[in-house]
Amino acid sequence: MSVEAFEKIGGWDEMFEWYASDCDAYYRLKLAGYGCINTSLPVDHSPSQTLNSDPEIRAQVEGMYHHRNRCYTEKWGGEPGHERYTTPFNR
């Protein structure tokens, strides 16, 4: 990832803890005109070493799942890949 591009979009949105922050950053990069190379290579995120290493972290991440999705949907008007807004919260 280009550091310059990441700085241009303002970095990570700290509203998102753990997951969804990557989807938010990728969408903002897309809106800023940066391309993304889709290799179509399979990616397997399981088992998550972070979640499997600490039951408290796992509980926190799983407990906030619906909240993160709701925040993302409110911010962009849809789930990742189905966004409708081009400005956060349609403002």
Protein backbone atom coordinates (compact mmCIF):
# COMPACT_ATOMS: atom_id res chain seq x y z
CA MET A 1 0.00 0.00 0.00
CA SER A 2 1.24 3.46 -0.80
CA VAL A 3 2.00 5.46 2.33
CA GLU A 4 1.19 8.65 0.40
CA ALA A 5 -2.22 7.29 -0.60
CA PHE A 6 -2.95 6.12 2.92
CA GLU A 7 -2.06 9.52 4.33
CA LYS A 8 -4.19 11.23 1.69
CA ILE A 9 -7.31 9.35 2.83
CA GLY A 10 -6.59 10.15 6.48
CA GLY A 11 -5.36 6.74 7.61
CA TRP A 12 -7.48 4.35 9.63
CA ASP A 13 -10.88 5.50 10.85
CA GLU A 14 -10.65 4.88 14.58
CA MET A 15 -14.42 4.49 14.79
CA PHE A 16 -13.81 0.88 13.73
CA GLU A 17 -12.16 -1.39 16.25
CA TRP A 18 -10.61 -4.56 14.88
CA TYR A 19 -12.40 -5.52 11.70
CA ALA A 20 -14.16 -3.29 9.11
CA SER A 21 -11.40 -0.67 9.25
CA ASP A 22 -9.73 -2.33 6.28
CA CYS A 23 -12.94 -2.27 4.22
CA ASP A 24 -13.40 1.39 5.14
CA ALA A 25 -9.83 2.26 4.10
CA TYR A 26 -10.10 0.36 0.81
CA TYR A 27 -13.37 2.09 -0.03
CA ARG A 28 -11.90 5.53 0.73
CA LEU A 29 -8.87 4.68 -1.44
CA LYS A 30 -11.24 3.73 -4.26
CA LEU A 31 -13.16 7.00 -3.85
CA ALA A 32 -9.86 8.92 -3.93
CA GLY A 33 -9.10 7.37 -7.33
CA TYR A 34 -6.56 4.76 -6.29
CA GLY A 35 -6.75 1.39 -7.97
CA CYS A 36 -6.67 -2.01 -6.38
CA ILE A 37 -5.07 -5.05 -7.93
CA ASN A 38 -7.37 -8.03 -7.59
CA THR A 39 -5.28 -11.17 -7.89
CA SER A 40 -8.27 -13.48 -7.28
CA LEU A 41 -5.97 -15.53 -5.07
CA PRO A 42 -7.77 -17.35 -2.26
CA VAL A 43 -7.25 -15.91 1.20
CA ASP A 44 -7.89 -17.88 4.35
CA HIS A 45 -8.03 -15.91 7.58
CA SER A 46 -8.76 -18.89 9.78
CA PRO A 47 -7.67 -19.73 12.26
CA SER A 48 -6.99 -16.20 13.46
CA GLN A 49 -3.88 -16.31 15.60
CA THR A 50 -5.01 -13.18 17.44
CA LEU A 51 -8.48 -14.48 18.25
CA ASN A 52 -7.21 -17.94 19.15
CA SER A 53 -4.49 -16.58 21.42
CA ASP A 54 -6.70 -14.61 23.78
CA PRO A 55 -10.28 -15.46 24.82
CA GLU A 56 -10.88 -11.87 25.99
CA ILE A 57 -9.94 -10.46 22.60
CA ARG A 58 -12.13 -13.04 20.88
CA ALA A 59 -15.09 -12.09 23.07
CA GLN A 60 -14.54 -8.39 22.41
CA VAL A 61 -14.26 -8.85 18.63
CA GLU A 62 -17.26 -11.17 18.39
CA GLY A 63 -19.35 -9.03 20.74
CA MET A 64 -18.86 -5.93 18.57
CA TYR A 65 -19.57 -7.64 15.22
CA HIS A 66 -23.07 -6.23 14.69
CA HIS A 67 -22.05 -2.79 15.96
CA ARG A 68 -19.16 -2.60 13.46
CA ASN A 69 -21.41 -3.66 10.58
CA ARG A 70 -24.07 -1.13 11.57
CA CYS A 71 -21.47 1.67 11.79
CA TYR A 72 -20.05 0.78 8.37
CA THR A 73 -23.52 0.61 6.81
CA GLU A 74 -24.50 3.94 8.34
CA LYS A 75 -21.26 5.55 7.16
CA TRP A 76 -21.37 4.25 3.56
CA GLY A 77 -25.01 3.30 2.95
CA GLY A 78 -24.36 -0.40 2.58
CA GLU A 79 -22.15 -3.30 3.55
CA PRO A 80 -18.65 -3.66 2.08
CA GLY A 81 -18.95 -4.05 -1.67
CA HIS A 82 -22.49 -2.60 -1.66
CA GLU A 83 -21.81 1.00 -0.63
CA ARG A 84 -24.20 3.68 -1.95
CA TYR A 85 -22.67 6.85 -0.52
CA THR A 86 -19.63 8.63 -1.89
CA THR A 87 -19.33 10.87 1.16
CA PRO A 88 -19.47 9.54 4.72
CA PHE A 89 -22.99 9.44 6.17
CA ASN A 90 -24.28 10.82 2.83
CA ARG A 91 -23.35 14.38 3.79
